[in-house]
Amino acid sequence: MFAPRLVRLAALSAIAFACLTAAASASMGTATTVTAANLRTGPGTSYPVITSLSEGTDVTVDACTLTWCAVETDSDGNGFVAKSLLDFVDSGDNGDDNGGPIIITPQPEPPQSDAEVCFYQQKNFMGANFCVYPGDQDADIPGNFDDNIASILISGGASVEVCTDVDFGGECKTYDHSVKKLPTYLRDDITSYTVGGDNGDNGDNDSDMPDTGNVITLQ
């Protein structure tokens, strides 16, 4: 049962990549990851992670939606990276094909199967983001994510405790579901976190998941 599921998942991901890249008349150019970024099999956090790209990794950008880009890497092949994590160094017309937006209908995302917590700098799961997994923790969030988190996307049965001070101090709150807009005392004030849960499939924590729909508009 597991092997056929992987085959179907690979086929869906290949179709999604082909739809995006076929919609663009040519490569949009190159980009560089501005922080560590997950390379996924499809355009969404529900798709499995192929590998993690380190900060400063150069990729070839084939096409972009409003939030995701289909890219190619030298060592890991094809995949998708969140657009907010890319710095376009040679993006040409940045996806405007002189004919207005291109509308495509990709395959639906597969069911979430891995526990994951993603932190976003804007409410409603928008803006720059990074994802962590059960067992991960950080006593002092580095860089521009420190005191700069506005929403949290939780999937696959994960949970997270977030705190306003270093070393898991100050005001703390544990979440086992996604939060589109953090309460005032936590929003833009999270400094440390601990991720719990497991990697089992749990479909009960999607009440606050973003509605991505089934139509993607290329810029």
Protein backbone atom coordinates (compact mmCIF):
# COMPACT_ATOMS: atom_id res chain seq x y z
CA MET A 1 0.00 0.00 0.00
CA PHE A 2 2.81 2.40 0.84
CA ALA A 3 4.70 1.97 -2.44
CA PRO A 4 1.67 2.72 -4.69
CA ARG A 5 0.96 5.80 -2.59
CA LEU A 6 4.49 7.08 -3.22
CA VAL A 7 4.08 6.41 -6.94
CA ARG A 8 0.82 8.39 -7.04
CA LEU A 9 2.38 11.23 -5.02
CA ALA A 10 5.37 11.39 -7.35
CA ALA A 11 3.04 11.50 -10.36
CA LEU A 12 0.96 14.35 -8.90
CA SER A 13 4.09 16.34 -8.07
CA ALA A 14 5.49 15.81 -11.56
CA ILE A 15 2.22 17.05 -13.08
CA ALA A 16 2.20 20.14 -10.85
CA PHE A 17 5.79 20.97 -11.82
CA ALA A 18 5.06 20.40 -15.50
CA CYS A 19 1.97 22.66 -15.36
CA LEU A 20 3.93 25.52 -13.85
CA THR A 21 6.97 25.25 -16.10
CA ALA A 22 4.88 24.79 -19.25
CA ALA A 23 2.95 27.97 -18.43
CA ALA A 24 6.15 30.03 -18.61
CA SER A 25 7.60 30.62 -22.07
CA ALA A 26 11.15 30.48 -20.70
CA SER A 27 13.12 30.40 -17.47
CA MET A 28 12.49 33.46 -15.33
CA GLY A 29 16.17 33.56 -14.39
CA THR A 30 18.05 32.73 -11.23
CA ALA A 31 17.50 33.35 -7.55
CA THR A 32 19.28 32.80 -4.26
CA THR A 33 17.77 31.53 -1.01
CA VAL A 34 17.80 34.28 1.62
CA THR A 35 17.64 31.73 4.45
CA ALA A 36 17.44 27.96 4.84
CA ALA A 37 14.51 26.78 2.68
CA ASN A 38 12.66 23.51 2.13
CA LEU A 39 12.65 22.17 -1.42
CA ARG A 40 9.27 20.43 -1.76
CA THR A 41 7.67 18.11 -4.30
CA GLY A 42 4.76 20.52 -4.82
CA PRO A 43 3.68 24.16 -4.30
CA GLY A 44 2.51 24.03 -0.67
CA THR A 45 3.57 23.03 2.84
CA SER A 46 1.49 19.84 2.59
CA TYR A 47 3.88 18.42 0.01
CA PRO A 48 6.82 16.29 1.24
CA VAL A 49 10.24 17.88 1.66
CA ILE A 50 12.85 16.70 -0.84
CA THR A 51 15.74 18.37 0.96
CA SER A 52 16.63 21.54 2.85
CA LEU A 53 18.53 24.18 0.89
CA SER A 54 21.07 26.17 2.84
CA GLU A 55 21.12 29.96 2.84
CA GLY A 56 22.77 31.33 -0.27
CA THR A 57 21.87 28.40 -2.54
CA ASP A 58 21.53 29.39 -6.22
CA VAL A 59 18.51 28.00 -8.10
CA THR A 60 17.08 28.35 -11.59
CA VAL A 61 13.51 29.69 -11.45
CA ASP A 62 11.16 28.27 -14.08
CA ALA A 63 7.88 29.86 -12.95
CA CYS A 64 6.23 31.39 -9.89
CA THR A 65 2.77 31.62 -8.39
CA LEU A 66 1.92 34.37 -5.92
CA THR A 67 3.60 32.38 -3.14
CA TRP A 68 5.62 29.49 -4.64
CA CYS A 69 8.28 29.05 -7.34
CA ALA A 70 9.13 26.00 -9.44
CA VAL A 71 12.92 25.76 -9.34
CA GLU A 72 15.82 23.59 -10.43
CA THR A 73 18.97 23.03 -8.39
CA ASP A 74 22.35 21.69 -9.41
CA SER A 75 22.28 18.70 -7.08
CA ASP A 76 18.68 17.99 -6.04
CA GLY A 77 16.73 18.31 -9.28
CA ASN A 78 13.29 19.91 -9.57
CA GLY A 79 11.08 21.15 -6.77
CA PHE A 80 9.20 24.07 -5.24
CA VAL A 81 10.40 26.77 -2.82
CA ALA A 82 8.37 29.46 -1.05
CA LYS A 83 8.75 32.65 -3.10
CA SER A 84 9.32 34.78 0.02
CA LEU A 85 12.55 32.86 0.68
CA LEU A 86 14.09 33.74 -2.70
CA ASP A 87 16.10 36.77 -3.77
CA PHE A 88 15.71 37.19 -7.53
CA VAL A 89 19.08 38.15 -8.95
CA ASP A 90 18.21 37.83 -12.64
CA SER A 91 14.46 37.55 -12.90
CA GLY A 92 13.92 39.29 -16.25
CA ASP A 93 10.27 40.32 -16.51
CA ASN A 94 9.53 38.50 -13.21
CA GLY A 95 6.89 36.31 -14.76
CA ASP A 96 4.89 38.91 -16.70
CA ASP A 97 4.64 37.22 -20.09
CA ASN A 98 3.45 40.44 -21.78
CA GLY A 99 -0.01 38.94 -21.89
CA GLY A 100 -1.20 39.42 -18.34
CA PRO A 101 -1.51 36.77 -15.65
CA ILE A 102 -1.40 33.10 -16.64
CA ILE A 103 -4.09 30.96 -15.01
CA ILE A 104 -3.47 27.26 -14.50
CA THR A 105 -5.24 24.59 -12.49
CA PRO A 106 -2.74 22.34 -10.70
CA GLN A 107 -3.41 18.99 -9.11
CA PRO A 108 -4.70 19.19 -5.51
CA GLU A 109 -2.20 18.87 -2.70
CA PRO A 110 -1.80 15.41 -1.16
CA PRO A 111 -2.97 14.78 2.43
CA GLN A 112 -0.63 16.05 5.12
CA SER A 113 1.42 13.19 6.54
CA ASP A 114 4.35 14.78 8.40
CA ALA A 115 4.23 16.75 11.63
CA GLU A 116 5.43 20.30 11.02
CA VAL A 117 5.25 23.79 12.53
CA CYS A 118 5.80 26.83 10.30
CA PHE A 119 6.28 30.37 11.63
CA TYR A 120 5.21 33.35 9.47
CA GLN A 121 6.13 37.01 9.81
CA GLN A 122 2.66 38.15 8.74
CA LYS A 123 -0.84 37.10 9.78
CA ASN A 124 -2.83 34.61 7.68
CA PHE A 125 0.33 32.59 7.00
CA MET A 126 1.91 35.24 4.77
CA GLY A 127 5.40 36.65 4.39
CA ALA A 128 8.78 35.13 5.14
CA ASN A 129 8.59 31.84 7.01
CA PHE A 130 10.53 28.87 8.32
CA CYS A 131 9.43 25.38 9.37
CA VAL A 132 10.53 23.10 12.22
CA TYR A 133 9.68 19.58 13.37
CA PRO A 134 8.96 17.58 16.55
CA GLY A 135 12.01 17.62 18.80
CA ASP A 136 13.26 20.96 17.47
CA GLN A 137 13.70 23.89 19.81
CA ASP A 138 15.43 27.25 19.92
CA ALA A 139 16.12 29.14 23.13
CA ASP A 140 16.80 32.38 21.26
CA ILE A 141 15.40 32.69 17.72
CA PRO A 142 18.08 34.24 15.50
CA GLY A 143 17.91 36.89 12.81
CA ASN A 144 14.85 38.86 11.76
CA PHE A 145 12.39 36.23 13.00
CA ASP A 146 13.10 37.14 16.64
CA ASP A 147 10.09 39.13 17.93
CA ASN A 148 8.72 39.05 14.38
CA ILE A 149 6.20 36.17 14.16
CA ALA A 150 2.50 36.88 13.53
CA SER A 151 0.96 33.50 12.61
CA ILE A 152 1.73 29.79 13.04
CA LEU A 153 0.79 26.94 10.69
CA ILE A 154 0.66 23.53 12.43
CA SER A 155 0.05 20.21 10.67
CA GLY A 156 0.45 16.45 11.04
CA GLY A 157 -0.27 16.29 14.77
CA ALA A 158 2.55 18.61 15.85
CA SER A 159 2.35 21.06 18.75
CA VAL A 160 4.51 23.99 19.79
CA GLU A 161 5.16 26.00 22.92
CA VAL A 162 6.17 29.59 22.20
CA CYS A 163 7.60 32.02 24.76
CA THR A 164 8.27 35.76 24.81
CA ASP A 165 11.71 35.54 26.47
CA VAL A 166 14.92 33.65 25.80
CA ASP A 167 15.41 30.20 27.35
CA PHE A 168 11.66 29.52 27.22
CA GLY A 169 10.85 32.21 29.76
CA GLY A 170 8.30 35.01 30.00
CA GLU A 171 4.74 34.51 28.73
CA CYS A 172 4.36 31.03 27.17
CA LYS A 173 1.54 29.41 25.23
CA THR A 174 1.16 25.91 23.74
CA TYR A 175 -0.69 25.41 20.44
CA ASP A 176 -1.74 22.16 18.76
CA HIS A 177 -3.63 23.89 15.93
CA SER A 178 -2.85 26.60 13.39
CA VAL A 179 -3.32 30.26 14.35
CA LYS A 180 -3.98 32.84 11.63
CA LYS A 181 -3.36 35.78 13.97
CA LEU A 182 -1.51 35.44 17.26
CA PRO A 183 -2.89 37.26 20.31
CA THR A 184 -1.44 40.68 21.04
CA TYR A 185 0.81 39.52 23.87
CA LEU A 186 2.54 37.01 21.56
CA ARG A 187 2.35 38.65 18.14
CA ASP A 188 5.78 40.00 17.16
CA ASP A 189 7.08 39.03 20.60
CA ILE A 190 8.11 35.34 20.31
CA THR A 191 11.75 34.68 21.18
CA SER A 192 11.94 30.93 21.90
CA TYR A 193 10.00 27.77 21.04
CA THR A 194 9.82 24.00 21.61
CA VAL A 195 8.12 21.67 19.12
CA GLY A 196 6.27 18.55 20.29
CA GLY A 197 4.10 15.88 18.69
CA ASP A 198 5.05 13.06 16.37
CA ASN A 199 5.28 12.30 12.69
CA GLY A 200 2.02 10.35 12.56
CA ASP A 201 -0.82 11.44 10.30
CA ASN A 202 -3.37 13.56 12.13
CA GLY A 203 -5.97 15.36 10.08
CA ASP A 204 -7.77 17.07 12.96
CA ASN A 205 -5.62 20.20 13.22
CA ASP A 206 -6.50 21.95 9.99
CA SER A 207 -9.31 24.22 11.15
CA ASP A 208 -7.13 27.29 10.68
CA MET A 209 -5.33 26.16 7.51
CA PRO A 210 -5.11 28.68 4.64
CA ASP A 211 -7.60 28.22 1.81
CA THR A 212 -5.27 27.84 -1.19
CA GLY A 213 -8.03 26.89 -3.64
CA ASN A 214 -7.26 25.10 -6.88
CA VAL A 215 -6.38 27.99 -9.18
CA ILE A 216 -2.89 29.49 -9.28
CA THR A 217 -2.21 32.88 -10.85
CA LEU A 218 1.29 33.39 -12.19
CA GLN A 219 2.59 36.90 -11.78
